[in-house]
Amino acid sequence: MKYVKMGLNTIEIDEYRTKLFYEKANVVSQTCSCDYCQNYVYCCTDFPPELNRVFTELCINPKKASEVMEFFKDDRGNHLYASFYHIIGKAIEVIPENEPIIDLSNEMAKLEKKTIYFDITDEIFIQSNDMMSPLMQICLEISLPWVLQK
């Protein structure tokens, strides 16, 4: 197990099963051919370092979102996206004794200053048949440039 603190939340993550889930999952652009999903996957390679660290510590492949939604194009020409990810784990209040904890509070604060938001919950809105339990859902809200040549 891996213990990660994200702001007020502390999560116990089953590293092995979460990594296994993402090894088997498809890149979102393989399951959806719309331009918005294609653009999202291209932008994943240019995510800020703080966001990449959060994904790494949560054992998530950012290109393998369970769902990606584009809402609108803003005044700067960026597109507001929401994407959903899952981890095998649960929120906990007490960390077992002598277990290391990875604190992502600084990364979360830096992301918030960049108007990149994470929400983590055990209420699952996007689900598929190959998910395991216990399950937590993460919603990422991010504004991304249009990089597709279309």
N, C-alpha and C. Protein backbone atom coordinates (compact mmCIF):
# COMPACT_ATOMS: atom_id res chain seq x y z
N MET A 1 0.84 -1.19 0.00
CA MET A 1 0.00 0.00 0.00
C MET A 1 0.88 1.24 0.00
N LYS A 2 0.31 2.29 -0.55
CA LYS A 2 0.99 3.57 -0.63
C LYS A 2 0.06 4.61 0.00
N TYR A 3 0.63 5.54 0.77
CA TYR A 3 -0.16 6.54 1.46
C TYR A 3 0.18 7.92 0.92
N VAL A 4 -0.87 8.62 0.45
CA VAL A 4 -0.68 9.91 -0.20
C VAL A 4 -1.60 10.93 0.44
N LYS A 5 -1.02 12.07 0.79
CA LYS A 5 -1.80 13.19 1.35
C LYS A 5 -1.99 14.23 0.25
N MET A 6 -3.25 14.58 0.00
CA MET A 6 -3.60 15.59 -1.00
C MET A 6 -4.48 16.62 -0.32
N GLY A 7 -3.87 17.70 0.17
CA GLY A 7 -4.66 18.70 0.90
C GLY A 7 -5.20 18.08 2.17
N LEU A 8 -6.53 18.08 2.30
CA LEU A 8 -7.17 17.54 3.50
C LEU A 8 -7.38 16.03 3.42
N ASN A 9 -7.19 15.45 2.23
CA ASN A 9 -7.43 14.02 2.04
C ASN A 9 -6.14 13.21 2.20
N THR A 10 -6.26 12.08 2.87
CA THR A 10 -5.19 11.09 2.90
C THR A 10 -5.76 9.82 2.31
N ILE A 11 -5.03 9.27 1.34
CA ILE A 11 -5.53 8.14 0.58
C ILE A 11 -4.58 6.96 0.71
N GLU A 12 -5.15 5.80 0.92
CA GLU A 12 -4.41 4.55 0.90
C GLU A 12 -4.62 3.96 -0.49
N ILE A 13 -3.55 3.84 -1.26
CA ILE A 13 -3.63 3.38 -2.64
C ILE A 13 -3.04 1.98 -2.75
N ASP A 14 -3.77 1.12 -3.41
CA ASP A 14 -3.24 -0.19 -3.76
C ASP A 14 -2.44 0.01 -5.05
N GLU A 15 -1.13 0.24 -4.89
CA GLU A 15 -0.26 0.54 -6.03
C GLU A 15 -0.32 -0.53 -7.10
N TYR A 16 -0.19 -1.77 -6.69
CA TYR A 16 -0.12 -2.87 -7.64
C TYR A 16 -1.38 -2.93 -8.50
N ARG A 17 -2.55 -2.92 -7.85
CA ARG A 17 -3.80 -3.06 -8.60
C ARG A 17 -4.13 -1.81 -9.42
N THR A 18 -3.74 -0.63 -8.93
CA THR A 18 -3.98 0.58 -9.71
C THR A 18 -3.11 0.58 -10.96
N LYS A 19 -1.84 0.22 -10.81
CA LYS A 19 -0.95 0.15 -11.98
C LYS A 19 -1.45 -0.90 -12.97
N LEU A 20 -1.91 -2.02 -12.46
CA LEU A 20 -2.45 -3.08 -13.32
C LEU A 20 -3.67 -2.58 -14.09
N PHE A 21 -4.53 -1.84 -13.42
CA PHE A 21 -5.71 -1.26 -14.08
C PHE A 21 -5.28 -0.38 -15.25
N TYR A 22 -4.29 0.50 -15.03
CA TYR A 22 -3.86 1.42 -16.09
C TYR A 22 -3.05 0.72 -17.19
N GLU A 23 -2.38 -0.38 -16.86
CA GLU A 23 -1.70 -1.16 -17.91
C GLU A 23 -2.71 -1.73 -18.89
N LYS A 24 -3.86 -2.15 -18.39
CA LYS A 24 -4.89 -2.76 -19.24
C LYS A 24 -5.78 -1.74 -19.93
N ALA A 25 -5.88 -0.53 -19.38
CA ALA A 25 -6.79 0.49 -19.93
C ALA A 25 -6.27 1.02 -21.26
N ASN A 26 -7.19 1.49 -22.07
CA ASN A 26 -6.84 2.12 -23.35
C ASN A 26 -6.57 3.60 -23.18
N VAL A 27 -5.72 4.13 -24.03
CA VAL A 27 -5.56 5.58 -24.11
C VAL A 27 -6.90 6.12 -24.59
N VAL A 28 -7.34 7.23 -24.01
CA VAL A 28 -8.68 7.74 -24.31
C VAL A 28 -8.87 8.00 -25.80
N SER A 29 -7.81 8.37 -26.51
CA SER A 29 -7.94 8.63 -27.95
C SER A 29 -8.12 7.34 -28.76
N GLN A 30 -7.93 6.17 -28.13
CA GLN A 30 -8.20 4.90 -28.79
C GLN A 30 -9.67 4.50 -28.67
N THR A 31 -10.33 5.02 -27.65
CA THR A 31 -11.74 4.68 -27.43
C THR A 31 -12.68 5.77 -27.94
N CYS A 32 -12.14 6.96 -28.18
CA CYS A 32 -12.94 8.07 -28.70
C CYS A 32 -12.12 8.80 -29.74
N SER A 33 -12.68 8.97 -30.91
CA SER A 33 -11.92 9.60 -31.99
C SER A 33 -12.25 11.08 -32.17
N CYS A 34 -13.03 11.66 -31.26
CA CYS A 34 -13.38 13.07 -31.42
C CYS A 34 -12.13 13.95 -31.26
N ASP A 35 -12.15 15.09 -31.88
CA ASP A 35 -11.01 16.00 -31.84
C ASP A 35 -10.67 16.46 -30.42
N TYR A 36 -11.68 16.61 -29.57
CA TYR A 36 -11.44 17.07 -28.20
C TYR A 36 -10.61 16.05 -27.42
N CYS A 37 -10.96 14.77 -27.54
CA CYS A 37 -10.19 13.72 -26.84
C CYS A 37 -8.79 13.59 -27.43
N GLN A 38 -8.68 13.68 -28.75
CA GLN A 38 -7.37 13.63 -29.40
C GLN A 38 -6.49 14.77 -28.88
N ASN A 39 -7.06 15.97 -28.81
CA ASN A 39 -6.31 17.14 -28.33
C ASN A 39 -5.88 16.95 -26.87
N TYR A 40 -6.77 16.42 -26.05
CA TYR A 40 -6.46 16.19 -24.64
C TYR A 40 -5.23 15.28 -24.51
N VAL A 41 -5.23 14.18 -25.25
CA VAL A 41 -4.11 13.23 -25.17
C VAL A 41 -2.80 13.89 -25.60
N TYR A 42 -2.83 14.68 -26.66
CA TYR A 42 -1.63 15.40 -27.08
C TYR A 42 -1.13 16.35 -25.99
N CYS A 43 -2.06 17.01 -25.31
CA CYS A 43 -1.67 17.96 -24.26
C CYS A 43 -1.10 17.29 -23.02
N CYS A 44 -1.42 16.03 -22.80
CA CYS A 44 -0.91 15.31 -21.62
C CYS A 44 0.61 15.35 -21.53
N THR A 45 1.28 15.36 -22.66
CA THR A 45 2.75 15.35 -22.65
C THR A 45 3.33 16.68 -22.17
N ASP A 46 2.51 17.73 -22.15
CA ASP A 46 2.98 19.04 -21.72
C ASP A 46 2.36 19.50 -20.41
N PHE A 47 1.82 18.57 -19.63
CA PHE A 47 1.27 18.94 -18.33
C PHE A 47 2.37 19.52 -17.45
N PRO A 48 2.03 20.44 -16.53
CA PRO A 48 3.04 20.99 -15.62
C PRO A 48 3.67 19.90 -14.75
N PRO A 49 4.91 20.10 -14.33
CA PRO A 49 5.60 19.10 -13.51
C PRO A 49 4.83 18.71 -12.24
N GLU A 50 4.17 19.69 -11.62
CA GLU A 50 3.40 19.39 -10.40
C GLU A 50 2.28 18.40 -10.70
N LEU A 51 1.63 18.57 -11.84
CA LEU A 51 0.54 17.67 -12.22
C LEU A 51 1.10 16.29 -12.55
N ASN A 52 2.21 16.24 -13.23
CA ASN A 52 2.84 14.95 -13.54
C ASN A 52 3.22 14.21 -12.27
N ARG A 53 3.70 14.93 -11.27
CA ARG A 53 4.06 14.27 -10.00
C ARG A 53 2.83 13.69 -9.32
N VAL A 54 1.74 14.45 -9.33
CA VAL A 54 0.50 13.94 -8.72
C VAL A 54 0.07 12.66 -9.43
N PHE A 55 0.05 12.68 -10.76
CA PHE A 55 -0.33 11.47 -11.50
C PHE A 55 0.61 10.31 -11.18
N THR A 56 1.91 10.57 -11.13
CA THR A 56 2.88 9.51 -10.84
C THR A 56 2.65 8.92 -9.46
N GLU A 57 2.48 9.76 -8.46
CA GLU A 57 2.30 9.26 -7.10
C GLU A 57 0.97 8.52 -6.93
N LEU A 58 -0.03 8.88 -7.74
CA LEU A 58 -1.32 8.19 -7.67
C LEU A 58 -1.37 6.96 -8.58
N CYS A 59 -0.24 6.69 -9.28
CA CYS A 59 -0.12 5.53 -10.18
C CYS A 59 -1.06 5.63 -11.38
N ILE A 60 -1.30 6.84 -11.86
CA ILE A 60 -2.24 7.09 -12.96
C ILE A 60 -1.48 7.45 -14.22
N ASN A 61 -1.91 6.88 -15.33
CA ASN A 61 -1.43 7.30 -16.65
C ASN A 61 -2.41 8.36 -17.15
N PRO A 62 -1.99 9.62 -17.26
CA PRO A 62 -2.93 10.69 -17.61
C PRO A 62 -3.59 10.53 -18.98
N LYS A 63 -2.98 9.78 -19.88
CA LYS A 63 -3.57 9.56 -21.20
C LYS A 63 -4.69 8.53 -21.17
N LYS A 64 -4.87 7.88 -20.03
CA LYS A 64 -5.86 6.80 -19.93
C LYS A 64 -7.02 7.17 -19.01
N ALA A 65 -7.56 8.35 -19.23
CA ALA A 65 -8.72 8.79 -18.47
C ALA A 65 -9.92 7.90 -18.77
N SER A 66 -10.79 7.72 -17.79
CA SER A 66 -12.01 6.95 -18.01
C SER A 66 -13.00 7.74 -18.85
N GLU A 67 -12.93 9.06 -18.73
CA GLU A 67 -13.82 9.96 -19.48
C GLU A 67 -13.14 11.31 -19.61
N VAL A 68 -13.32 11.94 -20.77
CA VAL A 68 -12.83 13.29 -21.01
C VAL A 68 -13.97 14.10 -21.59
N MET A 69 -14.17 15.29 -21.05
CA MET A 69 -15.22 16.18 -21.55
C MET A 69 -14.63 17.57 -21.79
N GLU A 70 -14.98 18.16 -22.90
CA GLU A 70 -14.60 19.54 -23.19
C GLU A 70 -15.85 20.39 -23.04
N PHE A 71 -15.72 21.52 -22.34
CA PHE A 71 -16.89 22.34 -22.05
C PHE A 71 -17.02 23.57 -22.95
N PHE A 72 -15.92 24.32 -23.08
CA PHE A 72 -15.99 25.53 -23.92
C PHE A 72 -14.60 26.06 -24.18
N LYS A 73 -14.52 26.95 -25.14
CA LYS A 73 -13.28 27.66 -25.46
C LYS A 73 -13.35 29.01 -24.76
N ASP A 74 -12.28 29.35 -24.02
CA ASP A 74 -12.30 30.61 -23.27
C ASP A 74 -11.75 31.78 -24.10
N ASP A 75 -11.69 32.95 -23.49
CA ASP A 75 -11.25 34.17 -24.17
C ASP A 75 -9.81 34.09 -24.66
N ARG A 76 -8.99 33.26 -24.02
CA ARG A 76 -7.59 33.12 -24.43
C ARG A 76 -7.39 32.05 -25.49
N GLY A 77 -8.48 31.39 -25.88
CA GLY A 77 -8.39 30.35 -26.90
C GLY A 77 -8.15 28.96 -26.33
N ASN A 78 -8.09 28.84 -25.00
CA ASN A 78 -7.92 27.54 -24.37
C ASN A 78 -9.27 26.85 -24.20
N HIS A 79 -9.23 25.54 -24.03
CA HIS A 79 -10.44 24.75 -23.87
C HIS A 79 -10.50 24.20 -22.46
N LEU A 80 -11.65 24.38 -21.80
CA LEU A 80 -11.83 23.85 -20.46
C LEU A 80 -12.24 22.38 -20.55
N TYR A 81 -11.45 21.53 -19.91
CA TYR A 81 -11.69 20.09 -19.89
C TYR A 81 -11.96 19.62 -18.47
N ALA A 82 -12.74 18.55 -18.38
CA ALA A 82 -12.84 17.75 -17.15
C ALA A 82 -12.51 16.33 -17.57
N SER A 83 -11.66 15.69 -16.79
CA SER A 83 -11.32 14.30 -17.07
C SER A 83 -11.42 13.51 -15.77
N PHE A 84 -11.81 12.25 -15.93
CA PHE A 84 -12.03 11.39 -14.77
C PHE A 84 -11.05 10.23 -14.78
N TYR A 85 -10.51 9.96 -13.60
CA TYR A 85 -9.55 8.87 -13.40
C TYR A 85 -9.99 8.08 -12.18
N HIS A 86 -9.45 6.87 -12.06
CA HIS A 86 -9.78 6.02 -10.92
C HIS A 86 -8.52 5.44 -10.31
N ILE A 87 -8.57 5.28 -9.01
CA ILE A 87 -7.50 4.57 -8.29
C ILE A 87 -8.15 3.51 -7.41
N ILE A 88 -7.42 2.46 -7.18
CA ILE A 88 -7.88 1.42 -6.27
C ILE A 88 -7.36 1.84 -4.89
N GLY A 89 -8.27 2.24 -4.04
CA GLY A 89 -7.87 2.73 -2.73
C GLY A 89 -9.04 3.32 -1.98
N LYS A 90 -8.73 3.94 -0.86
CA LYS A 90 -9.78 4.52 -0.02
C LYS A 90 -9.22 5.66 0.80
N ALA A 91 -10.10 6.56 1.20
CA ALA A 91 -9.72 7.64 2.10
C ALA A 91 -9.55 7.07 3.50
N ILE A 92 -8.52 7.54 4.18
CA ILE A 92 -8.28 7.06 5.55
C ILE A 92 -8.03 8.26 6.45
N GLU A 93 -8.24 8.05 7.72
CA GLU A 93 -8.01 9.11 8.71
C GLU A 93 -6.70 8.90 9.46
N VAL A 94 -6.31 7.64 9.63
CA VAL A 94 -5.10 7.31 10.39
C VAL A 94 -4.19 6.45 9.51
N ILE A 95 -2.94 6.87 9.41
CA ILE A 95 -1.95 6.11 8.65
C ILE A 95 -1.34 5.06 9.58
N PRO A 96 -1.21 3.83 9.12
CA PRO A 96 -0.58 2.81 9.96
C PRO A 96 0.82 3.25 10.41
N GLU A 97 1.17 2.87 11.59
CA GLU A 97 2.45 3.25 12.18
C GLU A 97 3.62 2.79 11.32
N ASN A 98 4.63 3.64 11.23
CA ASN A 98 5.88 3.39 10.50
C ASN A 98 5.71 3.31 8.98
N GLU A 99 4.60 3.79 8.46
CA GLU A 99 4.40 3.81 7.02
C GLU A 99 4.77 5.20 6.49
N PRO A 100 5.54 5.27 5.41
CA PRO A 100 5.86 6.58 4.85
C PRO A 100 4.63 7.18 4.18
N ILE A 101 4.56 8.51 4.19
CA ILE A 101 3.47 9.20 3.54
C ILE A 101 4.04 10.17 2.52
N ILE A 102 3.43 10.21 1.37
CA ILE A 102 3.83 11.14 0.31
C ILE A 102 2.88 12.33 0.40
N ASP A 103 3.42 13.49 0.68
CA ASP A 103 2.61 14.69 0.85
C ASP A 103 2.63 15.50 -0.45
N LEU A 104 1.47 15.60 -1.09
CA LEU A 104 1.35 16.35 -2.34
C LEU A 104 0.68 17.70 -2.12
N SER A 105 0.63 18.17 -0.89
CA SER A 105 -0.04 19.43 -0.58
C SER A 105 0.58 20.61 -1.33
N ASN A 106 1.91 20.65 -1.42
CA ASN A 106 2.57 21.76 -2.15
C ASN A 106 2.21 21.72 -3.63
N GLU A 107 2.20 20.53 -4.21
CA GLU A 107 1.84 20.41 -5.62
C GLU A 107 0.40 20.84 -5.84
N MET A 108 -0.49 20.44 -4.94
CA MET A 108 -1.90 20.81 -5.07
C MET A 108 -2.07 22.33 -4.99
N ALA A 109 -1.34 22.98 -4.09
CA ALA A 109 -1.42 24.44 -3.96
C ALA A 109 -0.91 25.13 -5.23
N LYS A 110 0.20 24.63 -5.78
CA LYS A 110 0.74 25.20 -7.02
C LYS A 110 -0.24 25.03 -8.18
N LEU A 111 -0.87 23.87 -8.26
CA LEU A 111 -1.83 23.61 -9.33
C LEU A 111 -3.04 24.53 -9.20
N GLU A 112 -3.49 24.75 -7.98
CA GLU A 112 -4.64 25.63 -7.77
C GLU A 112 -4.33 27.05 -8.21
N LYS A 113 -3.09 27.50 -7.99
CA LYS A 113 -2.69 28.84 -8.46
C LYS A 113 -2.72 28.93 -9.98
N LYS A 114 -2.53 27.78 -10.63
CA LYS A 114 -2.59 27.72 -12.10
C LYS A 114 -4.00 27.40 -12.58
N THR A 115 -4.98 27.47 -11.70
CA THR A 115 -6.38 27.12 -11.95
C THR A 115 -6.54 25.71 -12.53
N ILE A 116 -5.81 24.78 -11.95
CA ILE A 116 -5.94 23.36 -12.26
C ILE A 116 -6.46 22.71 -10.98
N TYR A 117 -7.62 22.08 -11.07
CA TYR A 117 -8.28 21.58 -9.87
C TYR A 117 -8.45 20.07 -9.91
N PHE A 118 -8.26 19.45 -8.73
CA PHE A 118 -8.47 18.03 -8.52
C PHE A 118 -9.59 17.87 -7.51
N ASP A 119 -10.47 16.94 -7.75
CA ASP A 119 -11.48 16.56 -6.77
C ASP A 119 -11.40 15.04 -6.65
N ILE A 120 -11.34 14.57 -5.44
CA ILE A 120 -11.24 13.12 -5.23
C ILE A 120 -12.40 12.68 -4.34
N THR A 121 -13.04 11.60 -4.72
CA THR A 121 -14.22 11.14 -4.00
C THR A 121 -14.35 9.63 -4.12
N ASP A 122 -15.12 9.05 -3.21
CA ASP A 122 -15.44 7.64 -3.34
C ASP A 122 -16.81 7.45 -4.00
N GLU A 123 -17.43 8.56 -4.43
CA GLU A 123 -18.66 8.48 -5.22
C GLU A 123 -18.26 8.35 -6.68
N ILE A 124 -18.64 7.25 -7.30
CA ILE A 124 -18.20 6.93 -8.65
C ILE A 124 -19.29 7.30 -9.65
N PHE A 125 -18.96 8.25 -10.55
CA PHE A 125 -19.91 8.70 -11.56
C PHE A 125 -19.66 8.03 -12.91
N ILE A 126 -18.41 7.75 -13.21
CA ILE A 126 -18.02 7.12 -14.47
C ILE A 126 -17.51 5.73 -14.12
N GLN A 127 -18.15 4.70 -14.65
CA GLN A 127 -17.79 3.35 -14.25
C GLN A 127 -17.75 2.42 -15.46
N SER A 128 -16.92 1.40 -15.38
CA SER A 128 -16.89 0.36 -16.41
C SER A 128 -16.85 -1.00 -15.71
N ASN A 129 -17.00 -2.05 -16.48
CA ASN A 129 -17.08 -3.39 -15.92
C ASN A 129 -15.76 -3.92 -15.37
N ASP A 130 -14.62 -3.36 -15.83
CA ASP A 130 -13.33 -3.92 -15.43
C ASP A 130 -12.71 -3.20 -14.23
N MET A 131 -13.48 -2.44 -13.49
CA MET A 131 -12.95 -1.72 -12.34
C MET A 131 -12.99 -2.60 -11.10
N MET A 132 -12.05 -2.35 -10.21
CA MET A 132 -11.93 -3.12 -8.99
C MET A 132 -12.40 -2.26 -7.82
N SER A 133 -12.41 -2.83 -6.64
CA SER A 133 -12.79 -2.04 -5.48
C SER A 133 -11.80 -2.32 -4.35
N PRO A 134 -11.69 -1.44 -3.36
CA PRO A 134 -12.41 -0.17 -3.23
C PRO A 134 -11.89 0.83 -4.27
N LEU A 135 -12.76 1.69 -4.71
CA LEU A 135 -12.45 2.57 -5.82
C LEU A 135 -12.67 4.02 -5.43
N MET A 136 -11.75 4.87 -5.90
CA MET A 136 -11.92 6.31 -5.73
C MET A 136 -11.84 6.95 -7.10
N GLN A 137 -12.61 8.01 -7.27
CA GLN A 137 -12.65 8.72 -8.54
C GLN A 137 -12.02 10.10 -8.38
N ILE A 138 -11.23 10.46 -9.38
CA ILE A 138 -10.58 11.77 -9.39
C ILE A 138 -11.08 12.53 -10.60
N CYS A 139 -11.49 13.75 -10.37
CA CYS A 139 -11.88 14.63 -11.47
C CYS A 139 -10.83 15.72 -11.57
N LEU A 140 -10.28 15.86 -12.75
CA LEU A 140 -9.30 16.92 -13.04
C LEU A 140 -10.00 17.96 -13.90
N GLU A 141 -9.90 19.21 -13.51
CA GLU A 141 -10.42 20.32 -14.31
C GLU A 141 -9.23 21.16 -14.73
N ILE A 142 -9.06 21.31 -16.05
CA ILE A 142 -7.87 21.97 -16.59
C ILE A 142 -8.21 22.68 -17.89
N SER A 143 -7.59 23.80 -18.10
CA SER A 143 -7.73 24.55 -19.36
C SER A 143 -6.51 24.26 -20.22
N LEU A 144 -6.75 23.82 -21.45
CA LEU A 144 -5.65 23.38 -22.33
C LEU A 144 -5.70 24.09 -23.67
N PRO A 145 -4.54 24.31 -24.26
CA PRO A 145 -4.51 24.93 -25.60
C PRO A 145 -4.97 23.92 -26.65
N TRP A 146 -5.31 24.43 -27.82
CA TRP A 146 -5.63 23.56 -28.94
C TRP A 146 -4.34 23.30 -29.70
N VAL A 147 -3.92 22.03 -29.76
CA VAL A 147 -2.64 21.70 -30.40
C VAL A 147 -2.81 20.85 -31.66
N LEU A 148 -4.00 20.32 -31.87
CA LEU A 148 -4.24 19.53 -33.08
C LEU A 148 -4.13 20.43 -34.32
N GLN A 149 -3.60 19.88 -35.36
CA GLN A 149 -3.48 20.62 -36.62
C GLN A 149 -4.72 20.39 -37.48
N LYS A 150 -5.88 20.79 -36.96
CA LYS A 150 -7.14 20.62 -37.70
C LYS A 150 -7.90 21.91 -37.72
